[in-house]
Amino acid sequence: MRILVTYFNLKYRMLFHALREALLTEIRDTIRAGTFTERSLARFLGVSQPHIHNVLNGSRSLTFHLADHIITKLEIPWETLISIATPGKK
């Protein structure tokens, strides 16, 4: 039973990790496209620019609360994140 639980945890932890990375990729692409700067995105989200910068460069982790807030405010469809997180799969 313990082996099954460990496998289950690893499988879905990887999925959440992949979704988090997909969200960060989507945010970076939005900034590169010129839709937002780090500063304007931070203002739009109601967080500090240094915090956004640190999340994007990996100095701070992206919390579930902030991830949910970003997805809601930027209206990012789940399908987009899933397609980024699992390339080549449908």
Protein backbone atom coordinates (compact mmCIF):
# COMPACT_ATOMS: atom_id res chain seq x y z
CA MET A 1 0.00 0.00 0.00
CA ARG A 2 2.81 2.43 0.85
CA ILE A 3 4.38 1.99 -2.60
CA LEU A 4 1.08 2.83 -4.28
CA VAL A 5 0.62 5.96 -2.15
CA THR A 6 4.18 7.10 -2.88
CA TYR A 7 3.68 6.56 -6.63
CA PHE A 8 0.40 8.50 -6.49
CA ASN A 9 2.04 11.40 -4.64
CA LEU A 10 5.00 11.56 -7.03
CA LYS A 11 2.82 11.39 -10.12
CA TYR A 12 0.59 14.28 -9.07
CA ARG A 13 3.35 16.33 -7.50
CA MET A 14 5.00 16.29 -10.90
CA LEU A 15 1.75 17.44 -12.50
CA PHE A 16 1.42 20.39 -10.11
CA HIS A 17 5.07 21.22 -10.69
CA ALA A 18 4.50 21.14 -14.45
CA LEU A 19 1.40 23.35 -14.15
CA ARG A 20 3.29 25.83 -12.00
CA GLU A 21 6.11 25.96 -14.55
CA ALA A 22 3.54 26.37 -17.34
CA LEU A 23 2.00 29.34 -15.52
CA LEU A 24 5.42 30.94 -15.04
CA THR A 25 6.16 30.37 -18.74
CA GLU A 26 2.85 32.00 -19.67
CA ILE A 27 3.62 35.02 -17.47
CA ARG A 28 7.14 35.38 -18.90
CA ASP A 29 5.75 35.16 -22.44
CA THR A 30 3.17 37.84 -21.61
CA ILE A 31 5.96 40.12 -20.39
CA ARG A 32 8.17 39.35 -23.42
CA ALA A 33 5.25 40.09 -25.74
CA GLY A 34 4.99 43.56 -24.20
CA THR A 35 1.48 43.13 -22.81
CA PHE A 36 2.85 43.91 -19.34
CA THR A 37 6.10 44.93 -17.76
CA GLU A 38 7.01 43.39 -14.42
CA ARG A 39 6.00 46.65 -12.77
CA SER A 40 2.64 46.98 -14.55
CA LEU A 41 1.85 43.31 -13.91
CA ALA A 42 2.64 43.75 -10.22
CA ARG A 43 0.37 46.80 -10.03
CA PHE A 44 -2.40 44.96 -11.89
CA LEU A 45 -2.13 42.03 -9.48
CA GLY A 46 -1.75 44.17 -6.38
CA VAL A 47 1.65 42.81 -5.36
CA SER A 48 5.09 44.39 -5.24
CA GLN A 49 7.31 44.47 -8.31
CA PRO A 50 10.24 42.90 -6.44
CA HIS A 51 8.00 39.99 -5.42
CA ILE A 52 6.93 39.35 -9.03
CA HIS A 53 10.56 39.63 -10.15
CA ASN A 54 11.71 37.15 -7.51
CA VAL A 55 8.94 34.68 -8.39
CA LEU A 56 9.79 34.87 -12.09
CA ASN A 57 13.52 34.36 -11.59
CA GLY A 58 13.02 31.56 -9.06
CA SER A 59 14.25 33.32 -5.92
CA ARG A 60 10.79 32.90 -4.39
CA SER A 61 8.30 30.16 -5.02
CA LEU A 62 4.94 30.73 -6.63
CA THR A 63 2.33 30.09 -3.93
CA PHE A 64 -1.01 28.50 -4.72
CA HIS A 65 -2.73 31.69 -3.59
CA LEU A 66 -0.73 33.89 -5.97
CA ALA A 67 -1.07 31.35 -8.79
CA ASP A 68 -4.87 31.34 -8.39
CA HIS A 69 -4.89 35.13 -8.27
CA ILE A 70 -2.81 35.41 -11.47
CA ILE A 71 -4.93 32.85 -13.33
CA THR A 72 -8.11 34.69 -12.32
CA LYS A 73 -6.89 38.23 -13.04
CA LEU A 74 -5.23 37.38 -16.37
CA GLU A 75 -8.09 35.03 -17.32
CA ILE A 76 -5.70 32.26 -18.34
CA PRO A 77 -7.66 29.17 -19.42
CA TRP A 78 -6.70 25.89 -17.77
CA GLU A 79 -6.45 24.35 -21.22
CA THR A 80 -3.57 26.71 -22.02
CA LEU A 81 -1.64 25.67 -18.93
CA ILE A 82 -2.28 21.99 -19.51
CA SER A 83 -1.17 22.23 -23.15
CA ILE A 84 2.07 23.95 -22.08
CA ALA A 85 2.64 21.46 -19.25
CA THR A 86 2.03 18.38 -21.42
CA PRO A 87 3.33 19.10 -24.93
CA GLY A 88 2.39 16.50 -27.51
CA LYS A 89 -0.46 15.04 -25.43
CA LYS A 90 -4.17 15.63 -26.00
